[in-house]
Amino acid sequence: MSTPPTPRYPAPEINDLPEDIKAKVLEVQEKAGFVPNVFLAFARRPAEWRAFFDYHDALMVPESVGRESGLTKGEREMIVTTTSAANKCLYCVVAHGAILRIYEKKPLVADQVAINHRKADISPRQRAMLDFALKVCNHSDQVEDADFAALHAHGFNDEDIWDIAAITAFFGLSNRMASFSGMMPNPEFYVMGRAPKAKPAA
């Protein structure tokens, strides 16, 4: 078995982190059972870590900033997985694909949207959402009023459309940082959500 590539920037040790970042990392570790590599990789620059995760949480956990969103948790992860695939970001496709499988309770959906969302087992509404996300990802200069009208027809309002675009744009940053720095997905992500959990014996 080959050795995975070494990240270009060594991650700091958890115990060397500023206390606020260390507390958040330990909280994530407690919840997930491991520390996703992005949390340590970005912590080498604490001010940027705080800014990154503040914006991440404002978009992906809107209730954390007192805001509601018309997008479900699964739909937000669909956007991340689909646009990360367009940007060829291994880390984000694998990590957010795992979260998508769990939220949607569909073991195949992450692979489907990463390869071709037009053939994925998703709703017409979600297909329109991903059409727009990919246009923002690849051709944001070509977005026009007709794109808004198409989304309005599926029940999205202008704030939802902002969410789709902002998530796409934010993860464009994340994708590029992960790729250039050699960040690799944690092995745990590959298997999460692929098979139903075994029911305890009666």
N, C-alpha and C. Protein backbone atom coordinates (compact mmCIF):
# COMPACT_ATOMS: atom_id res chain seq x y z
N MET A 1 0.86 -1.19 0.00
CA MET A 1 0.00 0.00 0.00
C MET A 1 0.89 1.24 0.00
N SER A 2 0.60 2.17 -0.90
CA SER A 2 1.46 3.35 -1.02
C SER A 2 1.23 4.31 0.15
N THR A 3 2.26 5.10 0.44
CA THR A 3 2.16 6.10 1.50
C THR A 3 1.49 7.34 0.96
N PRO A 4 0.49 7.89 1.67
CA PRO A 4 -0.18 9.10 1.17
C PRO A 4 0.79 10.26 1.11
N PRO A 5 0.55 11.21 0.18
CA PRO A 5 1.44 12.37 0.06
C PRO A 5 1.53 13.15 1.37
N THR A 6 2.68 13.73 1.61
CA THR A 6 2.88 14.55 2.80
C THR A 6 2.41 15.97 2.54
N PRO A 7 1.62 16.55 3.45
CA PRO A 7 1.21 17.95 3.26
C PRO A 7 2.43 18.86 3.13
N ARG A 8 2.29 19.91 2.34
CA ARG A 8 3.41 20.83 2.11
C ARG A 8 3.68 21.72 3.32
N TYR A 9 2.70 21.88 4.19
CA TYR A 9 2.85 22.72 5.37
C TYR A 9 2.49 21.89 6.60
N PRO A 10 3.45 21.56 7.45
CA PRO A 10 3.17 20.75 8.63
C PRO A 10 2.13 21.42 9.52
N ALA A 11 1.17 20.64 9.98
CA ALA A 11 0.13 21.17 10.86
C ALA A 11 0.67 21.28 12.28
N PRO A 12 0.23 22.28 13.03
CA PRO A 12 0.65 22.40 14.42
C PRO A 12 0.05 21.30 15.29
N GLU A 13 0.64 21.07 16.42
CA GLU A 13 0.09 20.12 17.39
C GLU A 13 -1.08 20.78 18.12
N ILE A 14 -2.05 19.98 18.50
CA ILE A 14 -3.24 20.52 19.17
C ILE A 14 -2.85 21.31 20.42
N ASN A 15 -1.93 20.79 21.19
CA ASN A 15 -1.56 21.45 22.46
C ASN A 15 -0.80 22.76 22.26
N ASP A 16 -0.35 23.02 21.03
CA ASP A 16 0.35 24.27 20.75
C ASP A 16 -0.59 25.37 20.24
N LEU A 17 -1.87 25.05 20.09
CA LEU A 17 -2.81 26.01 19.53
C LEU A 17 -3.25 27.04 20.56
N PRO A 18 -3.65 28.24 20.12
CA PRO A 18 -4.28 29.19 21.05
C PRO A 18 -5.49 28.54 21.70
N GLU A 19 -5.81 28.93 22.91
CA GLU A 19 -6.83 28.24 23.69
C GLU A 19 -8.19 28.20 23.02
N ASP A 20 -8.61 29.30 22.36
CA ASP A 20 -9.94 29.29 21.72
C ASP A 20 -10.00 28.31 20.56
N ILE A 21 -8.91 28.22 19.79
CA ILE A 21 -8.88 27.29 18.66
C ILE A 21 -8.76 25.86 19.17
N LYS A 22 -7.93 25.66 20.18
CA LYS A 22 -7.79 24.33 20.77
C LYS A 22 -9.13 23.81 21.28
N ALA A 23 -9.90 24.66 21.93
CA ALA A 23 -11.20 24.25 22.47
C ALA A 23 -12.14 23.82 21.35
N LYS A 24 -12.14 24.57 20.25
CA LYS A 24 -13.00 24.23 19.12
C LYS A 24 -12.57 22.92 18.49
N VAL A 25 -11.26 22.72 18.33
CA VAL A 25 -10.75 21.50 17.72
C VAL A 25 -11.10 20.29 18.59
N LEU A 26 -10.95 20.42 19.88
CA LEU A 26 -11.29 19.32 20.78
C LEU A 26 -12.79 19.03 20.77
N GLU A 27 -13.57 20.07 20.61
CA GLU A 27 -15.03 19.89 20.51
C GLU A 27 -15.39 19.09 19.26
N VAL A 28 -14.74 19.41 18.15
CA VAL A 28 -14.97 18.69 16.91
C VAL A 28 -14.50 17.24 17.05
N GLN A 29 -13.36 17.05 17.67
CA GLN A 29 -12.84 15.70 17.88
C GLN A 29 -13.80 14.85 18.73
N GLU A 30 -14.35 15.47 19.75
CA GLU A 30 -15.30 14.76 20.61
C GLU A 30 -16.54 14.34 19.84
N LYS A 31 -17.01 15.22 18.97
CA LYS A 31 -18.23 14.94 18.21
C LYS A 31 -18.00 13.94 17.08
N ALA A 32 -16.90 14.11 16.35
CA ALA A 32 -16.66 13.29 15.16
C ALA A 32 -15.87 12.01 15.46
N GLY A 33 -15.09 12.04 16.53
CA GLY A 33 -14.24 10.90 16.83
C GLY A 33 -12.85 11.03 16.23
N PHE A 34 -12.61 12.11 15.49
CA PHE A 34 -11.30 12.40 14.90
C PHE A 34 -11.27 13.89 14.59
N VAL A 35 -10.08 14.39 14.26
CA VAL A 35 -9.95 15.81 13.91
C VAL A 35 -9.79 15.92 12.40
N PRO A 36 -10.78 16.47 11.70
CA PRO A 36 -10.61 16.69 10.26
C PRO A 36 -9.36 17.53 9.99
N ASN A 37 -8.60 17.13 9.00
CA ASN A 37 -7.29 17.74 8.76
C ASN A 37 -7.35 19.25 8.55
N VAL A 38 -8.45 19.75 8.00
CA VAL A 38 -8.55 21.18 7.74
C VAL A 38 -8.44 22.01 9.02
N PHE A 39 -8.92 21.47 10.13
CA PHE A 39 -8.91 22.24 11.38
C PHE A 39 -7.50 22.49 11.88
N LEU A 40 -6.61 21.54 11.67
CA LEU A 40 -5.22 21.74 12.09
C LEU A 40 -4.40 22.44 11.01
N ALA A 41 -4.67 22.11 9.75
CA ALA A 41 -3.87 22.71 8.67
C ALA A 41 -4.00 24.23 8.66
N PHE A 42 -5.22 24.75 8.82
CA PHE A 42 -5.41 26.19 8.79
C PHE A 42 -5.00 26.87 10.09
N ALA A 43 -4.84 26.09 11.16
CA ALA A 43 -4.51 26.68 12.46
C ALA A 43 -3.08 27.19 12.53
N ARG A 44 -2.28 26.93 11.52
CA ARG A 44 -0.91 27.47 11.52
C ARG A 44 -0.93 29.00 11.46
N ARG A 45 -2.06 29.56 11.02
CA ARG A 45 -2.25 31.01 11.04
C ARG A 45 -3.55 31.30 11.78
N PRO A 46 -3.47 31.49 13.09
CA PRO A 46 -4.68 31.58 13.90
C PRO A 46 -5.68 32.64 13.47
N ALA A 47 -5.22 33.82 13.07
CA ALA A 47 -6.17 34.88 12.66
C ALA A 47 -6.96 34.44 11.43
N GLU A 48 -6.29 33.78 10.50
CA GLU A 48 -6.97 33.31 9.29
C GLU A 48 -7.90 32.15 9.63
N TRP A 49 -7.50 31.28 10.56
CA TRP A 49 -8.37 30.18 11.01
C TRP A 49 -9.67 30.74 11.54
N ARG A 50 -9.57 31.76 12.41
CA ARG A 50 -10.79 32.34 13.01
C ARG A 50 -11.68 32.95 11.94
N ALA A 51 -11.09 33.70 11.01
CA ALA A 51 -11.87 34.33 9.95
C ALA A 51 -12.52 33.29 9.05
N PHE A 52 -11.77 32.25 8.72
CA PHE A 52 -12.27 31.19 7.84
C PHE A 52 -13.47 30.49 8.48
N PHE A 53 -13.30 30.06 9.73
CA PHE A 53 -14.38 29.29 10.35
C PHE A 53 -15.55 30.16 10.78
N ASP A 54 -15.32 31.43 11.03
CA ASP A 54 -16.45 32.34 11.28
C ASP A 54 -17.32 32.44 10.03
N TYR A 55 -16.68 32.61 8.88
CA TYR A 55 -17.45 32.72 7.63
C TYR A 55 -18.08 31.37 7.29
N HIS A 56 -17.32 30.30 7.47
CA HIS A 56 -17.85 28.95 7.25
C HIS A 56 -19.12 28.73 8.05
N ASP A 57 -19.08 29.03 9.33
CA ASP A 57 -20.24 28.78 10.18
C ASP A 57 -21.41 29.69 9.82
N ALA A 58 -21.12 30.93 9.45
CA ALA A 58 -22.20 31.86 9.06
C ALA A 58 -22.95 31.35 7.84
N LEU A 59 -22.24 30.67 6.93
CA LEU A 59 -22.87 30.13 5.73
C LEU A 59 -23.47 28.75 5.95
N MET A 60 -22.73 27.87 6.60
CA MET A 60 -23.12 26.47 6.69
C MET A 60 -23.95 26.15 7.93
N VAL A 61 -23.87 27.01 8.95
CA VAL A 61 -24.67 26.85 10.18
C VAL A 61 -25.33 28.19 10.46
N PRO A 62 -26.25 28.65 9.60
CA PRO A 62 -26.77 30.01 9.70
C PRO A 62 -27.44 30.32 11.03
N GLU A 63 -27.99 29.30 11.68
CA GLU A 63 -28.61 29.54 12.98
C GLU A 63 -27.60 29.99 14.03
N SER A 64 -26.32 29.70 13.78
CA SER A 64 -25.28 30.11 14.73
C SER A 64 -25.09 31.63 14.75
N VAL A 65 -25.59 32.30 13.71
CA VAL A 65 -25.52 33.76 13.65
C VAL A 65 -26.92 34.37 13.63
N GLY A 66 -27.91 33.60 14.09
CA GLY A 66 -29.26 34.10 14.21
C GLY A 66 -29.98 34.30 12.89
N ARG A 67 -29.64 33.49 11.91
CA ARG A 67 -30.22 33.64 10.58
C ARG A 67 -30.86 32.33 10.13
N GLU A 68 -31.95 32.43 9.39
CA GLU A 68 -32.56 31.25 8.81
C GLU A 68 -32.20 31.16 7.34
N SER A 69 -32.19 29.95 6.81
CA SER A 69 -31.89 29.75 5.40
C SER A 69 -32.93 28.85 4.78
N GLY A 70 -33.26 29.11 3.51
CA GLY A 70 -34.19 28.25 2.79
C GLY A 70 -33.53 26.98 2.27
N LEU A 71 -32.22 26.84 2.48
CA LEU A 71 -31.50 25.63 2.07
C LEU A 71 -31.40 24.68 3.24
N THR A 72 -31.58 23.40 2.98
CA THR A 72 -31.39 22.41 4.03
C THR A 72 -29.90 22.16 4.24
N LYS A 73 -29.55 21.49 5.33
CA LYS A 73 -28.15 21.13 5.57
C LYS A 73 -27.62 20.29 4.41
N GLY A 74 -28.44 19.35 3.96
CA GLY A 74 -28.02 18.49 2.85
C GLY A 74 -27.79 19.27 1.58
N GLU A 75 -28.66 20.25 1.30
CA GLU A 75 -28.49 21.05 0.09
C GLU A 75 -27.22 21.89 0.14
N ARG A 76 -26.89 22.40 1.30
CA ARG A 76 -25.64 23.16 1.42
C ARG A 76 -24.44 22.25 1.13
N GLU A 77 -24.50 21.02 1.62
CA GLU A 77 -23.40 20.09 1.37
C GLU A 77 -23.37 19.64 -0.10
N MET A 78 -24.53 19.57 -0.74
CA MET A 78 -24.57 19.26 -2.18
C MET A 78 -23.81 20.31 -2.97
N ILE A 79 -24.03 21.57 -2.61
CA ILE A 79 -23.33 22.67 -3.30
C ILE A 79 -21.83 22.52 -3.12
N VAL A 80 -21.40 22.25 -1.89
CA VAL A 80 -19.97 22.12 -1.61
C VAL A 80 -19.37 20.95 -2.40
N THR A 81 -20.04 19.80 -2.37
CA THR A 81 -19.51 18.61 -3.03
C THR A 81 -19.44 18.80 -4.54
N THR A 82 -20.50 19.36 -5.12
CA THR A 82 -20.56 19.55 -6.57
C THR A 82 -19.52 20.55 -7.06
N THR A 83 -19.42 21.69 -6.40
CA THR A 83 -18.47 22.71 -6.86
C THR A 83 -17.03 22.33 -6.52
N SER A 84 -16.83 21.59 -5.43
CA SER A 84 -15.48 21.12 -5.11
C SER A 84 -14.99 20.12 -6.15
N ALA A 85 -15.92 19.32 -6.67
CA ALA A 85 -15.55 18.39 -7.75
C ALA A 85 -15.17 19.17 -9.01
N ALA A 86 -15.93 20.24 -9.30
CA ALA A 86 -15.59 21.07 -10.46
C ALA A 86 -14.21 21.70 -10.31
N ASN A 87 -13.83 21.99 -9.06
CA ASN A 87 -12.52 22.57 -8.78
C ASN A 87 -11.45 21.52 -8.52
N LYS A 88 -11.84 20.24 -8.65
CA LYS A 88 -10.92 19.10 -8.50
C LYS A 88 -10.23 19.07 -7.13
N CYS A 89 -10.99 19.40 -6.10
CA CYS A 89 -10.44 19.39 -4.75
C CYS A 89 -10.74 18.08 -4.06
N LEU A 90 -9.74 17.22 -3.94
CA LEU A 90 -9.93 15.91 -3.34
C LEU A 90 -10.42 16.02 -1.90
N TYR A 91 -9.77 16.88 -1.11
CA TYR A 91 -10.14 16.96 0.31
C TYR A 91 -11.62 17.30 0.47
N CYS A 92 -12.07 18.35 -0.20
CA CYS A 92 -13.44 18.83 0.04
C CYS A 92 -14.49 17.89 -0.54
N VAL A 93 -14.20 17.25 -1.68
CA VAL A 93 -15.15 16.29 -2.22
C VAL A 93 -15.33 15.12 -1.26
N VAL A 94 -14.24 14.60 -0.75
CA VAL A 94 -14.33 13.44 0.14
C VAL A 94 -14.95 13.82 1.49
N ALA A 95 -14.49 14.92 2.08
CA ALA A 95 -14.98 15.31 3.41
C ALA A 95 -16.44 15.74 3.36
N HIS A 96 -16.80 16.61 2.43
CA HIS A 96 -18.18 17.09 2.38
C HIS A 96 -19.11 16.09 1.73
N GLY A 97 -18.56 15.23 0.88
CA GLY A 97 -19.37 14.12 0.37
C GLY A 97 -19.82 13.21 1.50
N ALA A 98 -18.94 12.98 2.46
CA ALA A 98 -19.29 12.15 3.63
C ALA A 98 -20.43 12.80 4.43
N ILE A 99 -20.31 14.11 4.65
CA ILE A 99 -21.35 14.81 5.41
C ILE A 99 -22.66 14.81 4.64
N LEU A 100 -22.59 14.97 3.32
CA LEU A 100 -23.78 14.93 2.48
C LEU A 100 -24.49 13.59 2.59
N ARG A 101 -23.74 12.49 2.51
CA ARG A 101 -24.36 11.17 2.62
C ARG A 101 -25.11 11.03 3.94
N ILE A 102 -24.52 11.55 5.00
CA ILE A 102 -25.14 11.43 6.33
C ILE A 102 -26.41 12.28 6.41
N TYR A 103 -26.34 13.53 5.97
CA TYR A 103 -27.52 14.41 6.04
C TYR A 103 -28.67 13.92 5.18
N GLU A 104 -28.35 13.45 3.97
CA GLU A 104 -29.40 13.03 3.04
C GLU A 104 -29.83 11.58 3.26
N LYS A 105 -29.03 10.82 4.04
CA LYS A 105 -29.29 9.39 4.25
C LYS A 105 -29.37 8.64 2.92
N LYS A 106 -28.49 9.04 2.01
CA LYS A 106 -28.39 8.42 0.69
C LYS A 106 -26.93 8.08 0.43
N PRO A 107 -26.55 6.80 0.48
CA PRO A 107 -25.14 6.44 0.35
C PRO A 107 -24.53 6.70 -1.03
N LEU A 108 -25.37 6.92 -2.06
CA LEU A 108 -24.84 7.10 -3.41
C LEU A 108 -24.79 8.56 -3.85
N VAL A 109 -25.49 9.43 -3.14
CA VAL A 109 -25.72 10.78 -3.67
C VAL A 109 -24.46 11.61 -3.84
N ALA A 110 -23.50 11.48 -2.95
CA ALA A 110 -22.29 12.30 -3.04
C ALA A 110 -21.50 11.97 -4.30
N ASP A 111 -21.35 10.68 -4.59
CA ASP A 111 -20.64 10.29 -5.81
C ASP A 111 -21.39 10.79 -7.04
N GLN A 112 -22.72 10.71 -6.99
CA GLN A 112 -23.52 11.13 -8.13
C GLN A 112 -23.36 12.62 -8.42
N VAL A 113 -23.52 13.46 -7.40
CA VAL A 113 -23.44 14.90 -7.67
C VAL A 113 -22.03 15.34 -7.99
N ALA A 114 -21.04 14.63 -7.47
CA ALA A 114 -19.65 15.00 -7.78
C ALA A 114 -19.32 14.72 -9.25
N ILE A 115 -19.91 13.66 -9.80
CA ILE A 115 -19.61 13.30 -11.19
C ILE A 115 -20.54 13.98 -12.18
N ASN A 116 -21.87 13.90 -11.92
CA ASN A 116 -22.83 14.50 -12.85
C ASN A 116 -24.15 14.71 -12.12
N HIS A 117 -24.35 15.92 -11.59
CA HIS A 117 -25.56 16.17 -10.80
C HIS A 117 -26.83 16.08 -11.64
N ARG A 118 -26.71 16.18 -12.96
CA ARG A 118 -27.89 16.08 -13.83
C ARG A 118 -28.46 14.67 -13.83
N LYS A 119 -27.67 13.69 -13.46
CA LYS A 119 -28.14 12.30 -13.41
C LYS A 119 -28.26 11.77 -11.99
N ALA A 120 -28.11 12.65 -11.02
CA ALA A 120 -28.15 12.23 -9.61
C ALA A 120 -29.58 12.05 -9.12
N ASP A 121 -29.70 11.28 -8.05
CA ASP A 121 -31.00 11.04 -7.42
C ASP A 121 -31.34 12.21 -6.50
N ILE A 122 -31.66 13.34 -7.13
CA ILE A 122 -32.02 14.55 -6.40
C ILE A 122 -33.26 15.16 -7.05
N SER A 123 -33.86 16.12 -6.39
CA SER A 123 -35.10 16.72 -6.90
C SER A 123 -34.79 17.73 -8.02
N PRO A 124 -35.82 18.05 -8.86
CA PRO A 124 -35.62 19.11 -9.86
C PRO A 124 -35.18 20.43 -9.23
N ARG A 125 -35.69 20.73 -8.04
CA ARG A 125 -35.30 21.95 -7.33
C ARG A 125 -33.79 21.94 -7.03
N GLN A 126 -33.32 20.81 -6.53
CA GLN A 126 -31.90 20.70 -6.21
C GLN A 126 -31.05 20.71 -7.46
N ARG A 127 -31.56 20.15 -8.55
CA ARG A 127 -30.82 20.17 -9.81
C ARG A 127 -30.65 21.61 -10.30
N ALA A 128 -31.70 22.40 -10.19
CA ALA A 128 -31.62 23.81 -10.60
C ALA A 128 -30.64 24.57 -9.71
N MET A 129 -30.65 24.25 -8.43
CA MET A 129 -29.72 24.87 -7.48
C MET A 129 -28.27 24.60 -7.88
N LEU A 130 -27.98 23.35 -8.24
CA LEU A 130 -26.61 22.98 -8.60
C LEU A 130 -26.23 23.50 -9.98
N ASP A 131 -27.20 23.61 -10.88
CA ASP A 131 -26.92 24.27 -12.17
C ASP A 131 -26.39 25.68 -11.92
N PHE A 132 -27.08 26.39 -11.04
CA PHE A 132 -26.68 27.77 -10.74
C PHE A 132 -25.34 27.81 -10.02
N ALA A 133 -25.15 26.92 -9.04
CA ALA A 133 -23.88 26.90 -8.31
C ALA A 133 -22.71 26.69 -9.26
N LEU A 134 -22.87 25.78 -10.22
CA LEU A 134 -21.78 25.53 -11.16
C LEU A 134 -21.56 26.72 -12.09
N LYS A 135 -22.62 27.45 -12.40
CA LYS A 135 -22.43 28.65 -13.22
C LYS A 135 -21.65 29.69 -12.43
N VAL A 136 -21.97 29.86 -11.15
CA VAL A 136 -21.20 30.78 -10.31
C VAL A 136 -19.75 30.30 -10.20
N CYS A 137 -19.57 29.01 -10.06
CA CYS A 137 -18.23 28.43 -9.93
C CYS A 137 -17.38 28.65 -11.18
N ASN A 138 -17.98 28.40 -12.33
CA ASN A 138 -17.20 28.39 -13.57
C ASN A 138 -17.35 29.64 -14.44
N HIS A 139 -18.49 30.32 -14.33
CA HIS A 139 -18.77 31.45 -15.23
C HIS A 139 -19.56 32.53 -14.49
N SER A 140 -19.07 32.98 -13.37
CA SER A 140 -19.83 33.95 -12.57
C SER A 140 -20.09 35.24 -13.34
N ASP A 141 -19.22 35.56 -14.28
CA ASP A 141 -19.40 36.78 -15.07
C ASP A 141 -20.60 36.69 -16.01
N GLN A 142 -21.13 35.48 -16.19
CA GLN A 142 -22.25 35.28 -17.11
C GLN A 142 -23.60 35.13 -16.40
N VAL A 143 -23.62 35.26 -15.07
CA VAL A 143 -24.89 35.18 -14.34
C VAL A 143 -25.78 36.35 -14.77
N GLU A 144 -27.05 36.06 -15.01
CA GLU A 144 -27.99 37.08 -15.48
C GLU A 144 -29.34 36.91 -14.81
N ASP A 145 -30.24 37.84 -15.08
CA ASP A 145 -31.55 37.83 -14.44
C ASP A 145 -32.30 36.53 -14.72
N ALA A 146 -32.10 35.95 -15.89
CA ALA A 146 -32.79 34.71 -16.22
C ALA A 146 -32.42 33.58 -15.25
N ASP A 147 -31.19 33.62 -14.74
CA ASP A 147 -30.77 32.60 -13.76
C ASP A 147 -31.56 32.75 -12.47
N PHE A 148 -31.79 33.99 -12.05
CA PHE A 148 -32.59 34.24 -10.87
C PHE A 148 -34.03 33.78 -11.09
N ALA A 149 -34.57 34.07 -12.27
CA ALA A 149 -35.95 33.68 -12.58
C ALA A 149 -36.11 32.16 -12.53
N ALA A 150 -35.12 31.45 -13.04
CA ALA A 150 -35.18 29.98 -13.03
C ALA A 150 -35.21 29.44 -11.60
N LEU A 151 -34.47 30.08 -10.72
CA LEU A 151 -34.45 29.65 -9.32
C LEU A 151 -35.73 30.07 -8.60
N HIS A 152 -36.23 31.24 -8.88
CA HIS A 152 -37.50 31.69 -8.30
C HIS A 152 -38.61 30.70 -8.65
N ALA A 153 -38.57 30.14 -9.85
CA ALA A 153 -39.60 29.19 -10.28
C ALA A 153 -39.60 27.92 -9.44
N HIS A 154 -38.47 27.65 -8.81
CA HIS A 154 -38.36 26.47 -7.94
C HIS A 154 -38.55 26.83 -6.47
N GLY A 155 -38.94 28.06 -6.18
CA GLY A 155 -39.24 28.45 -4.81
C GLY A 155 -38.09 29.08 -4.05
N PHE A 156 -36.95 29.30 -4.68
CA PHE A 156 -35.84 29.98 -4.02
C PHE A 156 -36.10 31.49 -4.03
N ASN A 157 -35.80 32.15 -2.92
CA ASN A 157 -35.88 33.61 -2.92
C ASN A 157 -34.48 34.19 -3.09
N ASP A 158 -34.39 35.52 -3.13
CA ASP A 158 -33.09 36.14 -3.41
C ASP A 158 -32.06 35.86 -2.32
N GLU A 159 -32.50 35.70 -1.07
CA GLU A 159 -31.55 35.38 0.00
C GLU A 159 -31.04 33.96 -0.15
N ASP A 160 -31.89 33.03 -0.58
CA ASP A 160 -31.44 31.66 -0.85
C ASP A 160 -30.40 31.67 -1.98
N ILE A 161 -30.65 32.49 -2.99
CA ILE A 161 -29.72 32.56 -4.13
C ILE A 161 -28.37 33.12 -3.68
N TRP A 162 -28.41 34.10 -2.77
CA TRP A 162 -27.16 34.61 -2.18
C TRP A 162 -26.43 33.46 -1.49
N ASP A 163 -27.16 32.65 -0.72
CA ASP A 163 -26.55 31.52 -0.03
C ASP A 163 -25.86 30.57 -1.01
N ILE A 164 -26.55 30.23 -2.08
CA ILE A 164 -25.97 29.31 -3.07
C ILE A 164 -24.66 29.88 -3.62
N ALA A 165 -24.70 31.16 -3.99
CA ALA A 165 -23.51 31.79 -4.57
C ALA A 165 -22.40 31.94 -3.54
N ALA A 166 -22.75 32.34 -2.32
CA ALA A 166 -21.73 32.56 -1.29
C ALA A 166 -21.06 31.25 -0.89
N ILE A 167 -21.83 30.18 -0.76
CA ILE A 167 -21.24 28.87 -0.43
C ILE A 167 -20.30 28.44 -1.54
N THR A 168 -20.74 28.61 -2.78
CA THR A 168 -19.90 28.26 -3.92
C THR A 168 -18.59 29.05 -3.90
N ALA A 169 -18.69 30.35 -3.67
CA ALA A 169 -17.51 31.21 -3.69
C ALA A 169 -16.58 30.91 -2.52
N PHE A 170 -17.15 30.73 -1.33
CA PHE A 170 -16.34 30.46 -0.16
C PHE A 170 -15.56 29.16 -0.33
N PHE A 171 -16.22 28.14 -0.84
CA PHE A 171 -15.51 26.87 -1.00
C PHE A 171 -14.57 26.88 -2.19
N GLY A 172 -14.72 27.85 -3.10
CA GLY A 172 -13.69 28.04 -4.10
C GLY A 172 -12.37 28.41 -3.44
N LEU A 173 -12.44 29.24 -2.41
CA LEU A 173 -11.25 29.56 -1.61
C LEU A 173 -10.75 28.31 -0.90
N SER A 174 -11.64 27.62 -0.22
CA SER A 174 -11.25 26.43 0.54
C SER A 174 -10.63 25.38 -0.37
N ASN A 175 -11.24 25.15 -1.54
CA ASN A 175 -10.72 24.17 -2.49
C ASN A 175 -9.29 24.47 -2.89
N ARG A 176 -9.04 25.73 -3.18
CA ARG A 176 -7.71 26.10 -3.66
C ARG A 176 -6.67 26.04 -2.56
N MET A 177 -7.06 26.40 -1.35
CA MET A 177 -6.13 26.29 -0.23
C MET A 177 -5.80 24.83 0.07
N ALA A 178 -6.81 23.98 0.04
CA ALA A 178 -6.59 22.56 0.32
C ALA A 178 -5.70 21.93 -0.75
N SER A 179 -5.97 22.27 -2.00
CA SER A 179 -5.23 21.64 -3.09
C SER A 179 -3.78 22.09 -3.14
N PHE A 180 -3.54 23.40 -3.06
CA PHE A 180 -2.15 23.86 -3.19
C PHE A 180 -1.29 23.42 -2.01
N SER A 181 -1.92 23.27 -0.82
CA SER A 181 -1.15 22.93 0.38
C SER A 181 -0.95 21.42 0.54
N GLY A 182 -1.56 20.63 -0.34
CA GLY A 182 -1.40 19.18 -0.24
C GLY A 182 -2.23 18.55 0.86
N MET A 183 -3.34 19.19 1.25
CA MET A 183 -4.19 18.66 2.32
C MET A 183 -4.90 17.40 1.83
N MET A 184 -4.82 16.34 2.60
CA MET A 184 -5.43 15.07 2.23
C MET A 184 -6.62 14.75 3.14
N PRO A 185 -7.64 14.08 2.61
CA PRO A 185 -8.79 13.72 3.44
C PRO A 185 -8.40 12.70 4.51
N ASN A 186 -9.01 12.84 5.68
CA ASN A 186 -8.84 11.81 6.71
C ASN A 186 -9.45 10.50 6.19
N PRO A 187 -8.82 9.35 6.46
CA PRO A 187 -9.38 8.07 6.00
C PRO A 187 -10.82 7.84 6.46
N GLU A 188 -11.16 8.37 7.62
CA GLU A 188 -12.52 8.15 8.16
C GLU A 188 -13.60 8.66 7.22
N PHE A 189 -13.31 9.74 6.48
CA PHE A 189 -14.33 10.34 5.62
C PHE A 189 -14.80 9.39 4.52
N TYR A 190 -13.88 8.54 4.03
CA TYR A 190 -14.21 7.72 2.87
C TYR A 190 -15.36 6.74 3.14
N VAL A 191 -15.51 6.32 4.36
CA VAL A 191 -16.52 5.29 4.66
C VAL A 191 -17.76 5.83 5.35
N MET A 192 -17.73 7.07 5.80
CA MET A 192 -18.86 7.62 6.53
C MET A 192 -20.11 7.67 5.65
N GLY A 193 -21.23 7.20 6.19
CA GLY A 193 -22.51 7.32 5.52
C GLY A 193 -22.71 6.41 4.34
N ARG A 194 -21.81 5.44 4.13
CA ARG A 194 -21.95 4.57 2.96
C ARG A 194 -22.81 3.35 3.24
N ALA A 195 -22.94 2.96 4.49
CA ALA A 195 -23.76 1.80 4.84
C ALA A 195 -24.56 2.15 6.07
N PRO A 196 -25.81 1.66 6.16
CA PRO A 196 -26.61 1.95 7.36
C PRO A 196 -25.95 1.37 8.59
N LYS A 197 -26.11 2.08 9.72
CA LYS A 197 -25.54 1.57 10.96
C LYS A 197 -26.27 0.30 11.38
N ALA A 198 -25.50 -0.65 11.88
CA ALA A 198 -26.10 -1.91 12.33
C ALA A 198 -27.00 -1.65 13.54
N LYS A 199 -28.17 -2.26 13.53
CA LYS A 199 -29.08 -2.11 14.66
C LYS A 199 -28.62 -3.00 15.80
N PRO A 200 -28.68 -2.48 17.04
CA PRO A 200 -28.26 -3.30 18.17
C PRO A 200 -29.13 -4.56 18.32
N ALA A 201 -28.52 -5.63 18.75
CA ALA A 201 -29.25 -6.88 18.92
C ALA A 201 -30.33 -6.72 20.00
N ALA A 202 -31.45 -7.38 19.77
CA ALA A 202 -32.57 -7.28 20.73
C ALA A 202 -32.23 -8.05 22.01
